[in-house]
Amino acid sequence: MNTIRQKPSKKSDDFINQAGSSLIEGKTRKKKALKKQIPVMIPEALLISLDEQIESSMVGLSRSAWICQAIKEKLNRED
């Protein structure tokens, strides 16, 4: 069985780099994510396609994380 190694993503690099950033005098401090819950209307067919894409990619992202990543990519392209 061949295993293909993927290059670490920026997300995993960011996670690793911030690992020690919450240490203060030997104590850990949890950072609270600044997130807000909002209702979003998505057509059912698009949602089904999204779920199929996420499942087939085997990346392990949640639907919410995938949508946030897509928004960030779109915003970065438009800058």
C-alpha atoms as a PDB file:
ATOM      1  CA  MET A   1       0.000   0.000   0.000  1.00  0.00           C
ATOM      2  CA  ASN A   2       1.504   3.313  -1.075  1.00  0.00           C
ATOM      3  CA  THR A   3       1.184   6.198   1.315  1.00  0.00           C
ATOM      4  CA  ILE A   4       1.451   9.664  -0.136  1.00  0.00           C
ATOM      5  CA  ARG A   5       2.904  12.206   2.256  1.00  0.00           C
ATOM      6  CA  GLN A   6       1.362  15.618   1.917  1.00  0.00           C
ATOM      7  CA  LYS A   7       3.206  18.825   2.624  1.00  0.00           C
ATOM      8  CA  PRO A   8       2.074  20.273   5.980  1.00  0.00           C
ATOM      9  CA  SER A   9      -0.584  22.900   5.454  1.00  0.00           C
ATOM     10  CA  LYS A  10      -0.311  26.489   6.633  1.00  0.00           C
ATOM     11  CA  LYS A  11      -3.038  25.669   9.143  1.00  0.00           C
ATOM     12  CA  SER A  12      -0.967  22.909  10.739  1.00  0.00           C
ATOM     13  CA  ASP A  13       2.146  25.125  10.683  1.00  0.00           C
ATOM     14  CA  ASP A  14       0.207  27.911  12.427  1.00  0.00           C
ATOM     15  CA  PHE A  15      -1.025  25.447  15.056  1.00  0.00           C
ATOM     16  CA  ILE A  16       2.491  24.193  15.739  1.00  0.00           C
ATOM     17  CA  ASN A  17       3.978  27.703  15.855  1.00  0.00           C
ATOM     18  CA  GLN A  18       1.399  28.983  18.350  1.00  0.00           C
ATOM     19  CA  ALA A  19       1.728  25.938  20.606  1.00  0.00           C
ATOM     20  CA  GLY A  20       3.984  27.678  23.127  1.00  0.00           C
ATOM     21  CA  SER A  21       2.552  31.144  22.666  1.00  0.00           C
ATOM     22  CA  SER A  22       0.042  30.756  25.494  1.00  0.00           C
ATOM     23  CA  LEU A  23       2.652  29.865  28.119  1.00  0.00           C
ATOM     24  CA  ILE A  24       3.064  32.473  30.837  1.00  0.00           C
ATOM     25  CA  GLU A  25       5.481  31.759  33.682  1.00  0.00           C
ATOM     26  CA  GLY A  26       4.964  28.010  33.407  1.00  0.00           C
ATOM     27  CA  LYS A  27       1.177  28.244  33.250  1.00  0.00           C
ATOM     28  CA  THR A  28      -0.989  27.745  30.218  1.00  0.00           C
ATOM     29  CA  ARG A  29      -3.587  30.254  29.227  1.00  0.00           C
ATOM     30  CA  LYS A  30      -6.317  29.283  26.813  1.00  0.00           C
ATOM     31  CA  LYS A  31      -7.006  31.671  23.978  1.00  0.00           C
ATOM     32  CA  LYS A  32     -10.681  32.204  23.308  1.00  0.00           C
ATOM     33  CA  ALA A  33     -11.495  32.157  19.617  1.00  0.00           C
ATOM     34  CA  LEU A  34     -13.353  35.186  18.393  1.00  0.00           C
ATOM     35  CA  LYS A  35     -16.218  33.521  16.568  1.00  0.00           C
ATOM     36  CA  LYS A  36     -19.857  34.367  16.101  1.00  0.00           C
ATOM     37  CA  GLN A  37     -22.642  32.053  15.162  1.00  0.00           C
ATOM     38  CA  ILE A  38     -24.771  33.312  12.268  1.00  0.00           C
ATOM     39  CA  PRO A  39     -27.555  31.724  10.257  1.00  0.00           C
ATOM     40  CA  VAL A  40     -26.629  31.146   6.616  1.00  0.00           C
ATOM     41  CA  MET A  41     -29.058  29.996   3.948  1.00  0.00           C
ATOM     42  CA  ILE A  42     -27.453  27.471   1.572  1.00  0.00           C
ATOM     43  CA  PRO A  43     -29.388  25.703  -1.190  1.00  0.00           C
ATOM     44  CA  GLU A  44     -29.771  21.994  -0.425  1.00  0.00           C
ATOM     45  CA  ALA A  45     -28.030  20.858  -3.631  1.00  0.00           C
ATOM     46  CA  LEU A  46     -25.017  23.038  -2.837  1.00  0.00           C
ATOM     47  CA  LEU A  47     -24.894  21.710   0.715  1.00  0.00           C
ATOM     48  CA  ILE A  48     -24.989  18.117  -0.540  1.00  0.00           C
ATOM     49  CA  SER A  49     -22.148  18.864  -2.967  1.00  0.00           C
ATOM     50  CA  LEU A  50     -20.172  20.513  -0.177  1.00  0.00           C
ATOM     51  CA  ASP A  51     -20.598  17.545   2.156  1.00  0.00           C
ATOM     52  CA  GLU A  52     -19.567  15.136  -0.619  1.00  0.00           C
ATOM     53  CA  GLN A  53     -16.474  17.238  -1.353  1.00  0.00           C
ATOM     54  CA  ILE A  54     -15.458  17.371   2.305  1.00  0.00           C
ATOM     55  CA  GLU A  55     -15.966  13.621   2.749  1.00  0.00           C
ATOM     56  CA  SER A  56     -14.064  12.683  -0.410  1.00  0.00           C
ATOM     57  CA  SER A  57     -11.126  14.985   0.381  1.00  0.00           C
ATOM     58  CA  MET A  58     -10.488  13.163   3.674  1.00  0.00           C
ATOM     59  CA  VAL A  59      -8.970  16.379   5.055  1.00  0.00           C
ATOM     60  CA  GLY A  60     -10.953  16.148   8.268  1.00  0.00           C
ATOM     61  CA  LEU A  61     -12.310  19.691   8.186  1.00  0.00           C
ATOM     62  CA  SER A  62     -15.729  20.443   9.564  1.00  0.00           C
ATOM     63  CA  ARG A  63     -18.291  22.022   7.282  1.00  0.00           C
ATOM     64  CA  SER A  64     -17.864  25.318   9.142  1.00  0.00           C
ATOM     65  CA  ALA A  65     -14.070  25.226   8.864  1.00  0.00           C
ATOM     66  CA  TRP A  66     -14.283  24.427   5.150  1.00  0.00           C
ATOM     67  CA  ILE A  67     -16.656  27.346   4.530  1.00  0.00           C
ATOM     68  CA  CYS A  68     -14.413  29.731   6.521  1.00  0.00           C
ATOM     69  CA  GLN A  69     -11.373  28.563   4.560  1.00  0.00           C
ATOM     70  CA  ALA A  70     -13.215  29.112   1.263  1.00  0.00           C
ATOM     71  CA  ILE A  71     -14.220  32.627   2.340  1.00  0.00           C
ATOM     72  CA  LYS A  72     -10.618  33.460   3.303  1.00  0.00           C
ATOM     73  CA  GLU A  73      -9.314  32.169  -0.041  1.00  0.00           C
ATOM     74  CA  LYS A  74     -11.880  34.256  -1.939  1.00  0.00           C
ATOM     75  CA  LEU A  75     -11.033  37.377   0.061  1.00  0.00           C
ATOM     76  CA  ASN A  76      -7.293  36.848  -0.491  1.00  0.00           C
ATOM     77  CA  ARG A  77      -7.825  36.555  -4.266  1.00  0.00           C
ATOM     78  CA  GLU A  78      -9.754  39.807  -4.357  1.00  0.00           C
ATOM     79  CA  ASP A  79      -7.060  41.786  -2.506  1.00  0.00           C
END
